Protein backbone atom coordinates (compact mmCIF):
# COMPACT_ATOMS: atom_id res chain seq x y z
CA UNK A 1 -53.73 -26.17 4.56
CA UNK A 2 -52.41 -29.51 6.35
CA UNK A 3 -49.24 -30.03 7.30
CA UNK A 4 -47.03 -33.38 7.97
CA UNK A 5 -44.08 -34.18 10.19
CA UNK A 6 -40.88 -35.45 8.00
CA UNK A 7 -37.44 -36.45 9.35
CA UNK A 8 -34.71 -34.40 8.19
CA UNK A 9 -33.54 -36.17 4.96
CA UNK A 10 -36.92 -36.62 3.87
CA UNK A 11 -37.66 -32.85 4.76
CA UNK A 12 -34.65 -31.53 3.03
CA UNK A 13 -35.49 -33.05 -0.22
CA UNK A 14 -39.41 -32.11 -0.08
CA UNK A 15 -38.09 -28.97 0.51
CA UNK A 16 -35.55 -28.88 -2.38
CA UNK A 17 -32.56 -27.92 0.30
CA UNK A 18 -29.78 -30.01 1.78
CA UNK A 19 -29.80 -31.54 4.82
CA UNK A 20 -27.24 -29.20 6.23
CA UNK A 21 -29.12 -26.12 5.11
CA UNK A 22 -32.29 -27.41 6.82
CA UNK A 23 -30.19 -28.10 10.09
CA UNK A 24 -29.17 -24.68 9.57
CA UNK A 25 -32.47 -22.95 9.33
CA UNK A 26 -33.71 -25.16 12.68
CA UNK A 27 -30.87 -23.79 14.63
CA UNK A 28 -31.76 -20.28 13.31
CA UNK A 29 -35.40 -21.14 13.92
CA UNK A 30 -36.82 -20.64 10.40
CA UNK A 31 -38.71 -23.54 10.24
CA UNK A 32 -40.59 -26.01 13.11
CA UNK A 33 -39.04 -28.51 14.46
CA UNK A 34 -39.46 -30.88 17.15
CA UNK A 35 -37.52 -33.80 18.70
CA UNK A 36 -38.92 -37.49 19.19
CA UNK A 37 -37.30 -40.22 20.49
CA UNK A 38 -36.76 -43.12 18.23
CA UNK A 39 -34.98 -46.32 19.19
CA UNK A 40 -31.58 -45.03 18.41
CA UNK A 41 -31.87 -41.57 20.12
CA UNK A 42 -33.62 -38.66 19.57
CA UNK A 43 -34.35 -37.44 15.93
CA UNK A 44 -35.43 -33.98 14.41
CA UNK A 45 -38.87 -33.92 13.06
CA UNK A 46 -39.78 -30.83 10.57
CA UNK A 47 -42.98 -29.72 9.80
CA UNK A 48 -43.83 -29.65 5.95
CA UNK A 49 -47.04 -27.99 4.84
CA UNK A 50 -48.06 -29.73 1.33
CA UNK A 51 -47.65 -26.22 0.11
CA UNK A 52 -44.03 -25.98 0.71
CA UNK A 53 -43.31 -29.14 -0.84
CA UNK A 54 -41.86 -29.47 -4.06
CA UNK A 55 -43.68 -31.61 -6.62
CA UNK A 56 -42.12 -34.90 -7.54
CA UNK A 57 -41.86 -33.45 -11.10
CA UNK A 58 -38.96 -31.44 -10.26
CA UNK A 59 -36.97 -34.75 -10.81
CA UNK A 60 -38.31 -34.82 -14.48
CA UNK A 61 -36.49 -31.58 -14.61
CA UNK A 62 -32.95 -33.05 -13.71
CA UNK A 63 -33.53 -35.55 -16.51
CA UNK A 64 -33.89 -32.84 -18.82
CA UNK A 65 -30.80 -31.02 -17.13
CA UNK A 66 -28.84 -34.12 -17.72
CA UNK A 67 -30.10 -34.21 -21.36
CA UNK A 68 -29.10 -30.45 -21.98
CA UNK A 69 -25.92 -30.79 -20.27
CA UNK A 70 -24.92 -33.96 -22.30
CA UNK A 71 -25.12 -32.23 -25.34
CA UNK A 72 -23.20 -29.15 -24.24
CA UNK A 73 -20.70 -31.62 -23.26
CA UNK A 74 -20.81 -33.28 -26.41
CA UNK A 75 -20.64 -29.98 -28.62
CA UNK A 76 -17.52 -28.73 -26.71
CA UNK A 77 -15.45 -32.24 -27.29
CA UNK A 78 -16.36 -31.94 -30.90
CA UNK A 79 -15.54 -27.70 -31.00
CA UNK A 80 -12.08 -29.36 -28.81
CA UNK A 81 -10.92 -31.69 -31.77
CA UNK A 82 -11.81 -28.82 -34.87
CA UNK A 83 -9.70 -26.64 -32.31
CA UNK A 84 -6.92 -29.55 -32.17
CA UNK A 85 -7.03 -30.29 -35.61
CA UNK A 86 -6.35 -26.49 -36.25
CA UNK A 87 -3.23 -26.63 -33.96
CA UNK A 88 -1.86 -29.52 -35.61
CA UNK A 89 -2.21 -27.82 -39.24
CA UNK A 90 -0.62 -24.72 -37.84
CA UNK A 91 2.03 -26.74 -36.58
CA UNK A 92 2.89 -28.06 -39.97
CA UNK A 93 2.48 -24.86 -41.89
CA UNK A 94 5.10 -23.30 -39.19
CA UNK A 95 7.56 -26.40 -40.05
CA UNK A 96 6.97 -25.81 -43.71
CA UNK A 97 7.85 -22.05 -43.20
CA UNK A 98 11.03 -22.42 -41.39
CA UNK A 99 12.33 -24.98 -43.58
CA UNK A 100 11.80 -22.51 -46.69
CA UNK A 101 14.79 -20.34 -47.52
CA UNK A 102 14.53 -16.50 -46.39
CA UNK A 103 12.66 -14.42 -49.01
CA UNK A 104 13.66 -11.25 -47.59
CA UNK A 105 17.00 -9.50 -48.77
CA UNK A 106 19.80 -10.60 -47.01
CA UNK A 107 20.92 -8.28 -43.72
CA UNK A 108 23.82 -5.86 -44.77
CA UNK A 109 25.65 -4.27 -42.02
CA UNK A 110 26.04 -0.75 -41.73
CA UNK A 111 29.49 0.66 -42.50
CA UNK A 112 29.95 4.33 -41.75
CA UNK A 113 31.31 6.15 -44.80
CA UNK A 114 35.05 7.65 -44.03
CA UNK A 115 34.01 11.24 -44.99
CA UNK A 116 31.42 10.92 -41.99
CA UNK A 117 33.59 10.07 -38.94
CA UNK A 118 31.58 9.52 -35.77
CA UNK A 119 33.25 11.82 -32.69
CA UNK A 120 35.18 9.46 -30.22
CA UNK A 121 33.14 9.49 -26.96
CA UNK A 122 34.73 8.21 -23.60
CA UNK A 123 33.34 6.30 -21.18
CA UNK A 124 34.97 7.67 -18.11
CA UNK A 125 33.47 10.21 -16.32
CA UNK A 126 34.92 13.27 -16.75
CA UNK A 127 36.42 15.29 -13.62
CA UNK A 128 34.28 18.47 -14.43
CA UNK A 129 30.70 16.24 -14.76
CA UNK A 130 31.92 14.25 -11.62
CA UNK A 131 31.96 17.92 -9.51
CA UNK A 132 28.88 18.93 -11.20
CA UNK A 133 27.00 15.81 -10.09
CA UNK A 134 28.42 16.14 -6.74
CA UNK A 135 27.38 19.71 -6.13
CA UNK A 136 23.70 19.08 -7.63
CA UNK A 137 23.14 16.28 -5.09
CA UNK A 138 24.13 19.06 -1.93
CA UNK A 139 20.93 20.84 -3.41
CA UNK A 140 17.55 20.52 -1.73
CA UNK A 141 15.03 18.78 -3.55
CA UNK A 142 13.00 21.89 -4.09
CA UNK A 143 16.12 23.53 -5.29
CA UNK A 144 16.92 21.09 -7.80
CA UNK A 145 13.22 21.37 -8.57
CA UNK A 146 12.39 24.48 -9.11
CA UNK A 147 16.19 25.36 -10.85
CA UNK A 148 14.65 27.09 -13.57
CA UNK A 149 12.48 29.26 -11.45
CA UNK A 150 14.89 30.13 -8.67
CA UNK A 151 18.04 31.11 -11.13
C-alpha cells in the first residue's frame, strides 16, 4: 500500500471532503499530517494512501447529477406553469360566478307570529342574582366543586 503526502486542498479533493473538514481531522488526530516549510512559511501535508483516494470518475458522477437535477428543474418549471394556468382559469370562473345573479331563494327575515310572544328579558341583573353570586363566591373552591355531594 503506497501513500503520498499532499497539501490540504489536494488531499481534501482526493479524499472527497472539504478543506475545513480535513483541518478538523488534523486537529483531532484522525489523519497523519506534518508541517513542511515552504516559501511562504509552514504548510500542512496530509498522508493519503492510494486506497483512500477517490477515483477521478467521481467528477463524472457530478455531470450525471447535474443532468439529473437540470431535468428535475425543467419538470418543476412545467408544473409551475400548469398551476399558474389553472389558477388563472379559477380566477376567471370566480369572476363569472360573482357576476351572475344569485340562484338561491331570497333571504326572508324571521317575523314571529302574534300568537307566540316572547317573554321580556331584562339585561340588568336582579338583586337576587347578584346576591347569590356574592354568596357563591364566598364559598370555598371545594364546597362549590362538591356542592351536589355536600348538600
